[in-house]
C-alpha atoms as a PDB file:
ATOM      1  CA  THR A   1       2.036  20.869 -10.867  1.00  0.00           C
ATOM      2  CA  GLU A   2       3.930  18.128 -12.692  1.00  0.00           C
ATOM      3  CA  SER A   3       6.087  15.412 -10.591  1.00  0.00           C
ATOM      4  CA  THR A   4       9.249  13.799 -11.500  1.00  0.00           C
ATOM      5  CA  ILE A   5       9.839   9.989 -12.793  1.00  0.00           C
ATOM      6  CA  ILE A   6      12.639   9.290 -10.845  1.00  0.00           C
ATOM      7  CA  GLY A   7      15.959   8.147 -12.634  1.00  0.00           C
ATOM      8  CA  THR A   8      14.828  10.383 -15.288  1.00  0.00           C
ATOM      9  CA  PRO A   9      14.807  14.178 -16.379  1.00  0.00           C
ATOM     10  CA  ASN A  10      10.888  13.923 -17.357  1.00  0.00           C
ATOM     11  CA  LYS A  11       8.031  15.569 -15.098  1.00  0.00           C
ATOM     12  CA  VAL A  12       4.654  14.456 -15.964  1.00  0.00           C
ATOM     13  CA  PRO A  13       1.007  14.904 -14.222  1.00  0.00           C
ATOM     14  CA  ALA A  14       1.573  13.625 -10.532  1.00  0.00           C
ATOM     15  CA  ASN A  15      -0.673  10.510 -10.830  1.00  0.00           C
ATOM     16  CA  LEU A  16       1.637   9.354 -13.851  1.00  0.00           C
ATOM     17  CA  ALA A  17       4.695  10.019 -12.186  1.00  0.00           C
ATOM     18  CA  ALA A  18       3.060   7.772  -8.755  1.00  0.00           C
ATOM     19  CA  PHE A  19       2.741   5.199 -11.225  1.00  0.00           C
ATOM     20  CA  ALA A  20       5.811   5.159 -12.657  1.00  0.00           C
ATOM     21  CA  ASN A  21       7.819   5.755  -9.291  1.00  0.00           C
ATOM     22  CA  GLY A  22       5.466   2.705  -7.645  1.00  0.00           C
ATOM     23  CA  GLU A  23       6.644   0.220 -10.809  1.00  0.00           C
ATOM     24  CA  LEU A  24      10.254   1.409 -10.025  1.00  0.00           C
ATOM     25  CA  PHE A  25      10.274   0.893  -6.124  1.00  0.00           C
ATOM     26  CA  ASN A  26       8.671  -2.527  -6.408  1.00  0.00           C
ATOM     27  CA  ALA A  27      11.330  -3.535  -9.177  1.00  0.00           C
ATOM     28  CA  LEU A  28      14.076  -2.221  -7.252  1.00  0.00           C
ATOM     29  CA  ASP A  29      12.920  -4.966  -4.544  1.00  0.00           C
ATOM     30  CA  TYR A  30      14.645  -3.163  -1.884  1.00  0.00           C
ATOM     31  CA  GLU A  31      11.535  -2.421  -0.048  1.00  0.00           C
ATOM     32  CA  ALA A  32      11.571  -2.974   3.994  1.00  0.00           C
ATOM     33  CA  LEU A  33       9.460  -5.206   5.456  1.00  0.00           C
ATOM     34  CA  THR A  34       6.958  -4.844   8.139  1.00  0.00           C
ATOM     35  CA  SER A  35       4.753  -7.171  10.379  1.00  0.00           C
ATOM     36  CA  PRO A  36       1.625  -7.953   8.809  1.00  0.00           C
ATOM     37  CA  SER A  37       1.835  -6.035   5.898  1.00  0.00           C
ATOM     38  CA  GLY A  38       4.683  -7.277   4.269  1.00  0.00           C
ATOM     39  CA  HIS A  39       6.726  -5.177   1.548  1.00  0.00           C
ATOM     40  CA  ILE A  40       4.147  -2.395   2.012  1.00  0.00           C
ATOM     41  CA  SER A  41       6.330   0.775   0.869  1.00  0.00           C
ATOM     42  CA  PRO A  42       6.037   0.490  -2.964  1.00  0.00           C
ATOM     43  CA  PHE A  43       2.300   0.855  -2.282  1.00  0.00           C
ATOM     44  CA  VAL A  44       2.251   3.936  -0.125  1.00  0.00           C
ATOM     45  CA  MET A  45       5.242   6.235  -0.977  1.00  0.00           C
ATOM     46  CA  ALA A  46       4.981   7.202  -4.350  1.00  0.00           C
ATOM     47  CA  ALA A  47       1.840   8.764  -4.128  1.00  0.00           C
ATOM     48  CA  PRO A  48       2.844  10.884  -1.466  1.00  0.00           C
ATOM     49  CA  LEU A  49       5.798  11.669  -2.963  1.00  0.00           C
ATOM     50  CA  ALA A  50       4.154  13.079  -6.276  1.00  0.00           C
ATOM     51  CA  LEU A  51       1.695  15.094  -4.571  1.00  0.00           C
ATOM     52  CA  ALA A  52       4.476  16.562  -2.380  1.00  0.00           C
ATOM     53  CA  GLU A  53       6.532  17.636  -5.545  1.00  0.00           C
ATOM     54  CA  SER A  54       3.669  19.263  -7.469  1.00  0.00           C
ATOM     55  CA  SER A  55       2.141  20.806  -4.535  1.00  0.00           C
ATOM     56  CA  ARG A  56       5.569  21.921  -3.392  1.00  0.00           C
ATOM     57  CA  ALA A  57       5.431  20.871  -0.111  1.00  0.00           C
ATOM     58  CA  SER A  58       8.315  20.857   2.751  1.00  0.00           C
ATOM     59  CA  GLY A  59      10.437  17.931   3.431  1.00  0.00           C
ATOM     60  CA  GLN A  60       9.020  18.292   6.911  1.00  0.00           C
ATOM     61  CA  GLU A  61       5.687  17.724   5.596  1.00  0.00           C
ATOM     62  CA  LEU A  62       6.420  14.683   3.152  1.00  0.00           C
ATOM     63  CA  ILE A  63       8.304  12.805   6.106  1.00  0.00           C
ATOM     64  CA  THR A  64       5.128  13.282   8.139  1.00  0.00           C
ATOM     65  CA  ALA A  65       3.039  12.048   5.239  1.00  0.00           C
ATOM     66  CA  LEU A  66       5.288   8.736   4.632  1.00  0.00           C
ATOM     67  CA  ALA A  67       4.791   7.880   8.294  1.00  0.00           C
ATOM     68  CA  LEU A  68       1.435   8.162   8.198  1.00  0.00           C
ATOM     69  CA  SER A  69       1.123   6.217   5.099  1.00  0.00           C
ATOM     70  CA  HIS A  70       3.251   3.529   6.303  1.00  0.00           C
ATOM     71  CA  GLU A  71       1.301   3.624  10.060  1.00  0.00           C
ATOM     72  CA  ILE A  72      -2.150   3.448   8.550  1.00  0.00           C
ATOM     73  CA  GLY A  73      -1.244   0.672   5.884  1.00  0.00           C
ATOM     74  CA  ILE A  74      -0.003  -1.352   8.413  1.00  0.00           C
ATOM     75  CA  ARG A  75      -3.143  -0.906  10.599  1.00  0.00           C
ATOM     76  CA  MET A  76      -5.228  -2.030   8.061  1.00  0.00           C
ATOM     77  CA  ALA A  77      -3.180  -5.055   7.270  1.00  0.00           C
ATOM     78  CA  ARG A  78      -3.796  -6.142  10.954  1.00  0.00           C
ATOM     79  CA  GLY A  79      -7.320  -5.615  11.110  1.00  0.00           C
ATOM     80  CA  LEU A  80      -8.073  -8.087   8.051  1.00  0.00           C
ATOM     81  CA  ILE A  81      -8.071 -11.530   8.799  1.00  0.00           C
ATOM     82  CA  PRO A  82      -6.411 -13.397   5.659  1.00  0.00           C
ATOM     83  CA  GLY A  83      -8.946 -15.837   3.446  1.00  0.00           C
ATOM     84  CA  LYS A  84      -8.257 -19.615   2.485  1.00  0.00           C
ATOM     85  CA  GLY A  85      -7.002 -18.117  -0.740  1.00  0.00           C
ATOM     86  CA  PHE A  86      -4.152 -16.587   0.273  1.00  0.00           C
ATOM     87  CA  TYR A  87      -2.440 -19.468   1.045  1.00  0.00           C
ATOM     88  CA  MET A  88      -0.826 -21.770  -1.421  1.00  0.00           C
ATOM     89  CA  ARG A  89      -0.210 -25.868  -0.575  1.00  0.00           C
ATOM     90  CA  ILE A  90       2.657 -28.136  -1.674  1.00  0.00           C
ATOM     91  CA  PRO A  91       1.071 -31.391  -0.856  1.00  0.00           C
ATOM     92  CA  GLN A  92       4.187 -33.252  -1.582  1.00  0.00           C
ATOM     93  CA  LYS A  93       6.087 -31.621   0.422  1.00  0.00           C
ATOM     94  CA  GLU A  94       3.130 -30.857   3.393  1.00  0.00           C
ATOM     95  CA  ILE A  95       3.904 -27.305   3.193  1.00  0.00           C
ATOM     96  CA  ARG A  96       1.432 -24.321   3.626  1.00  0.00           C
ATOM     97  CA  ILE A  97       2.994 -20.960   2.506  1.00  0.00           C
ATOM     98  CA  GLY A  98       0.787 -18.071   3.650  1.00  0.00           C
ATOM     99  CA  LEU A  99       1.293 -14.191   2.655  1.00  0.00           C
ATOM    100  CA  PRO A 100      -1.029 -12.419   4.864  1.00  0.00           C
ATOM    101  CA  THR A 101      -1.116  -9.338   2.623  1.00  0.00           C
ATOM    102  CA  HIS A 102      -4.139  -9.647   0.739  1.00  0.00           C
ATOM    103  CA  GLY A 103      -2.118  -8.533  -2.087  1.00  0.00           C
ATOM    104  CA  TYR A 104      -1.097  -5.377  -0.733  1.00  0.00           C
ATOM    105  CA  GLY A 105      -4.693  -4.026  -1.482  1.00  0.00           C
ATOM    106  CA  SER A 106      -5.537  -2.608   2.029  1.00  0.00           C
ATOM    107  CA  ALA A 107      -2.662  -0.798   1.506  1.00  0.00           C
ATOM    108  CA  ILE A 108      -4.328   1.833  -0.674  1.00  0.00           C
ATOM    109  CA  PHE A 109      -5.728   3.347   2.422  1.00  0.00           C
ATOM    110  CA  GLY A 110      -2.355   4.099   3.449  1.00  0.00           C
ATOM    111  CA  GLY A 111      -1.046   5.801   0.597  1.00  0.00           C
ATOM    112  CA  VAL A 112      -4.392   7.776   0.514  1.00  0.00           C
ATOM    113  CA  ALA A 113      -3.908   8.866   3.729  1.00  0.00           C
ATOM    114  CA  GLY A 114      -0.669  10.178   2.877  1.00  0.00           C
ATOM    115  CA  ALA A 115      -1.397  12.098   0.049  1.00  0.00           C
ATOM    116  CA  ALA A 116      -4.308  13.350   1.695  1.00  0.00           C
ATOM    117  CA  LYS A 117      -1.924  14.888   4.530  1.00  0.00           C
ATOM    118  CA  ILE A 118       0.058  16.770   1.750  1.00  0.00           C
ATOM    119  CA  LEU A 119      -3.143  18.346   0.371  1.00  0.00           C
ATOM    120  CA  GLY A 120      -4.358  19.578   3.788  1.00  0.00           C
ATOM    121  CA  PHE A 121      -7.537  17.513   3.796  1.00  0.00           C
ATOM    122  CA  GLY A 122      -9.788  17.595   6.566  1.00  0.00           C
ATOM    123  CA  PRO A 123     -12.067  14.449   8.050  1.00  0.00           C
ATOM    124  CA  ASP A 124     -14.328  15.073   5.087  1.00  0.00           C
ATOM    125  CA  LYS A 125     -12.435  15.091   2.458  1.00  0.00           C
ATOM    126  CA  LEU A 126     -10.439  12.341   3.692  1.00  0.00           C
ATOM    127  CA  CYS A 127     -13.704  10.206   4.402  1.00  0.00           C
ATOM    128  CA  HIS A 128     -14.369  10.185   0.467  1.00  0.00           C
ATOM    129  CA  ALA A 129     -10.907   9.805  -0.942  1.00  0.00           C
ATOM    130  CA  LEU A 130     -10.989   6.664   1.158  1.00  0.00           C
ATOM    131  CA  GLY A 131     -14.171   5.520  -0.025  1.00  0.00           C
ATOM    132  CA  ILE A 132     -13.063   6.487  -3.806  1.00  0.00           C
ATOM    133  CA  ALA A 133     -10.115   4.402  -3.368  1.00  0.00           C
ATOM    134  CA  GLY A 134     -11.897   1.426  -1.720  1.00  0.00           C
ATOM    135  CA  TYR A 135     -14.003   0.958  -4.789  1.00  0.00           C
ATOM    136  CA  MET A 136     -10.796   1.054  -7.028  1.00  0.00           C
ATOM    137  CA  CYS A 137      -8.235  -1.254  -5.275  1.00  0.00           C
ATOM    138  CA  PRO A 138      -7.108  -3.806  -7.636  1.00  0.00           C
ATOM    139  CA  ILE A 139      -8.085  -7.349  -6.853  1.00  0.00           C
ATOM    140  CA  PRO A 140      -5.988  -9.824  -4.665  1.00  0.00           C
ATOM    141  CA  VAL A 141      -3.590 -11.352  -6.526  1.00  0.00           C
ATOM    142  CA  VAL A 142      -0.515 -11.969  -4.945  1.00  0.00           C
ATOM    143  CA  MET A 143      -0.848 -15.834  -4.173  1.00  0.00           C
ATOM    144  CA  LYS A 144      -1.020 -16.366  -8.044  1.00  0.00           C
ATOM    145  CA  PHE A 145       1.791 -14.155  -8.317  1.00  0.00           C
ATOM    146  CA  ALA A 146       3.609 -16.633  -6.018  1.00  0.00           C
ATOM    147  CA  ALA A 147       2.431 -19.651  -7.321  1.00  0.00           C
ATOM    148  CA  THR A 148       3.229 -18.763 -10.852  1.00  0.00           C
ATOM    149  CA  VAL A 149       6.706 -20.023 -12.483  1.00  0.00           C
ATOM    150  CA  PRO A 150       8.411 -18.295 -14.191  1.00  0.00           C
ATOM    151  CA  SER A 151       7.014 -14.793 -12.704  1.00  0.00           C
ATOM    152  CA  SER A 152       6.142 -11.864 -14.773  1.00  0.00           C
ATOM    153  CA  MET A 153       7.294  -8.588 -13.933  1.00  0.00           C
ATOM    154  CA  SER A 154       3.687  -8.007 -12.330  1.00  0.00           C
ATOM    155  CA  LYS A 155       4.795  -8.516  -8.779  1.00  0.00           C
ATOM    156  CA  TYR A 156       2.637  -9.105  -6.507  1.00  0.00           C
ATOM    157  CA  LEU A 157       0.061  -6.540  -8.091  1.00  0.00           C
ATOM    158  CA  SER A 158       0.822  -3.446  -9.883  1.00  0.00           C
ATOM    159  CA  ALA A 159       2.325  -1.154  -7.236  1.00  0.00           C
ATOM    160  CA  GLY A 160       1.960   1.352 -10.206  1.00  0.00           C
ATOM    161  CA  TRP A 161      -1.683   1.282 -10.294  1.00  0.00           C
ATOM    162  CA  ILE A 162      -2.158   1.420  -6.547  1.00  0.00           C
ATOM    163  CA  SER A 163      -0.122   4.388  -6.411  1.00  0.00           C
ATOM    164  CA  MET A 164      -1.886   6.200  -9.443  1.00  0.00           C
ATOM    165  CA  THR A 165      -5.314   5.225  -7.720  1.00  0.00           C
ATOM    166  CA  GLU A 166      -4.460   6.662  -4.237  1.00  0.00           C
ATOM    167  CA  VAL A 167      -3.284  10.097  -6.270  1.00  0.00           C
ATOM    168  CA  MET A 168      -6.968  10.067  -8.305  1.00  0.00           C
ATOM    169  CA  ALA A 169      -8.903   9.278  -5.268  1.00  0.00           C
ATOM    170  CA  VAL A 170      -7.418  12.117  -3.293  1.00  0.00           C
ATOM    171  CA  LEU A 171      -7.770  14.522  -6.404  1.00  0.00           C
ATOM    172  CA  LEU A 172     -11.317  13.546  -7.176  1.00  0.00           C
ATOM    173  CA  SER A 173     -11.978  14.217  -3.658  1.00  0.00           C
ATOM    174  CA  ASP A 174     -10.481  17.230  -3.552  1.00  0.00           C
ATOM    175  CA  LEU A 175     -12.655  18.276  -6.499  1.00  0.00           C
ATOM    176  CA  GLY A 176     -16.195  17.457  -5.002  1.00  0.00           C
ATOM    177  CA  TYR A 177     -16.314  13.821  -6.019  1.00  0.00           C
ATOM    178  CA  THR A 178     -17.864  11.544  -3.661  1.00  0.00           C
ATOM    179  CA  GLY A 179     -16.918   8.067  -2.035  1.00  0.00           C
ATOM    180  CA  ASP A 180     -18.458   5.576   0.182  1.00  0.00           C
ATOM    181  CA  LYS A 181     -17.523   6.642   3.688  1.00  0.00           C
ATOM    182  CA  GLU A 182     -18.718   3.236   4.843  1.00  0.00           C
ATOM    183  CA  ILE A 183     -16.617   1.716   2.869  1.00  0.00           C
ATOM    184  CA  LEU A 184     -15.144  -0.521   5.738  1.00  0.00           C
ATOM    185  CA  ASP A 185     -18.467  -0.987   7.526  1.00  0.00           C
ATOM    186  CA  GLY A 186     -21.205  -3.730   7.240  1.00  0.00           C
ATOM    187  CA  GLU A 187     -21.543  -6.899   5.526  1.00  0.00           C
ATOM    188  CA  PHE A 188     -20.377  -6.152   2.356  1.00  0.00           C
ATOM    189  CA  GLY A 189     -17.660  -4.073   3.395  1.00  0.00           C
ATOM    190  CA  PHE A 190     -14.127  -4.129   1.939  1.00  0.00           C
ATOM    191  CA  TRP A 191     -13.045  -7.010   4.454  1.00  0.00           C
ATOM    192  CA  LYS A 192     -15.732  -9.140   2.091  1.00  0.00           C
ATOM    193  CA  SER A 193     -14.922  -7.681  -0.986  1.00  0.00           C
ATOM    194  CA  PHE A 194     -11.329  -8.334  -0.870  1.00  0.00           C
ATOM    195  CA  ALA A 195     -11.932 -11.881   0.034  1.00  0.00           C
ATOM    196  CA  SER A 196     -10.617 -11.680   3.780  1.00  0.00           C
ATOM    197  CA  GLU A 197     -12.563 -13.842   6.510  1.00  0.00           C
ATOM    198  CA  GLY A 198     -12.964 -11.292   8.718  1.00  0.00           C
ATOM    199  CA  TRP A 199     -12.490  -7.596   9.875  1.00  0.00           C
ATOM    200  CA  LEU A 200     -11.003  -6.411  13.321  1.00  0.00           C
ATOM    201  CA  PRO A 201     -11.513  -2.764  12.872  1.00  0.00           C
ATOM    202  CA  GLU A 202     -10.484  -2.437  16.958  1.00  0.00           C
ATOM    203  CA  GLU A 203      -6.782  -3.845  15.519  1.00  0.00           C
ATOM    204  CA  VAL A 204      -6.685  -0.604  13.365  1.00  0.00           C
ATOM    205  CA  ILE A 205      -7.293   2.049  16.010  1.00  0.00           C
ATOM    206  CA  VAL A 206      -5.854   0.438  18.962  1.00  0.00           C
ATOM    207  CA  HIS A 207      -3.378   2.865  20.635  1.00  0.00           C
ATOM    208  CA  LEU A 208      -3.513   4.920  17.587  1.00  0.00           C
ATOM    209  CA  GLY A 209      -1.478   8.238  17.996  1.00  0.00           C
ATOM    210  CA  LYS A 210       0.518   6.792  20.869  1.00  0.00           C
ATOM    211  CA  ASN A 211       2.091   3.385  19.896  1.00  0.00           C
ATOM    212  CA  TRP A 212       3.643   3.619  16.064  1.00  0.00           C
ATOM    213  CA  PHE A 213       3.951   0.585  14.158  1.00  0.00           C
ATOM    214  CA  LEU A 214       6.633   2.651  12.161  1.00  0.00           C
ATOM    215  CA  PRO A 215       9.499   2.639  12.780  1.00  0.00           C
ATOM    216  CA  SER A 216       8.716  -0.683  15.601  1.00  0.00           C
ATOM    217  CA  SER A 217       7.729  -2.776  13.524  1.00  0.00           C
ATOM    218  CA  ILE A 218       9.979  -2.291  10.132  1.00  0.00           C
ATOM    219  CA  SER A 219      13.315  -4.191   9.254  1.00  0.00           C
ATOM    220  CA  TYR A 220      15.422  -3.334   5.828  1.00  0.00           C
ATOM    221  CA  LYS A 221      17.075  -5.445   3.634  1.00  0.00           C
ATOM    222  CA  ALA A 222      20.524  -6.098   3.640  1.00  0.00           C
ATOM    223  CA  TYR A 223      20.144  -7.036  -0.184  1.00  0.00           C
ATOM    224  CA  PRO A 224      17.991  -6.409  -3.078  1.00  0.00           C
ATOM    225  CA  CYS A 225      16.289  -9.613  -3.348  1.00  0.00           C
ATOM    226  CA  CYS A 226      13.747 -12.109  -1.223  1.00  0.00           C
ATOM    227  CA  GLY A 227      15.015 -12.244   2.548  1.00  0.00           C
ATOM    228  CA  ALA A 228      14.798 -15.770   2.363  1.00  0.00           C
ATOM    229  CA  MET A 229      18.429 -15.667   0.242  1.00  0.00           C
ATOM    230  CA  HIS A 230      20.017 -13.230   2.304  1.00  0.00           C
ATOM    231  CA  HIS A 231      22.061 -15.875   4.169  1.00  0.00           C
ATOM    232  CA  ALA A 232      23.128 -17.628   1.362  1.00  0.00           C
ATOM    233  CA  LEU A 233      24.550 -14.177   0.105  1.00  0.00           C
ATOM    234  CA  ASP A 234      26.558 -13.816   3.383  1.00  0.00           C
ATOM    235  CA  CYS A 235      28.138 -16.638   3.196  1.00  0.00           C
END
């Protein structure tokens, strides 16, 4: 019933392992890049991994769950139109930097989908888990992180918190705790709460199950740092 904190001999409850490993994945700075969701992996891997170990899932089941968590996370990001608050202006250089990642908060739905797959959820339990997670999602602070110098260890936002939340949402749903099954819909849906300018649900489901954004839209880092530095490191 427990899961490993990677790099240590310690086993702890799955939600705590997901927190520690999510923070580790983000800190290593080796995460892959996907479009448009950015460095999504630290936010969708730790929860399925922790639950796979605690439930003794097979390697094949884990791989399937991780593929699903990335796919849903990427698709959710495609459906959200970034608000003006997700752009940082540098007037003296006439530069406008935008990170259409919504603070990686939308990745929480991918992590929940992967974790729910590990536990064999049907549609009803999955919907409740997604609804619970949507209410527990961290605020979009990615641009605050990007604009603050020197930066802190709270990179983008807490990958650990999102990962732990994904586990908790799935476990709560499994116990019968209900969530908002219309979390994505309506005037005050997740997109509005998350400061997006709009919501395009058709972008989430287009060619679902036929065309996979993973691995077609993913690229891997040559070095454990921002890709903007890689050319200099190659010289």
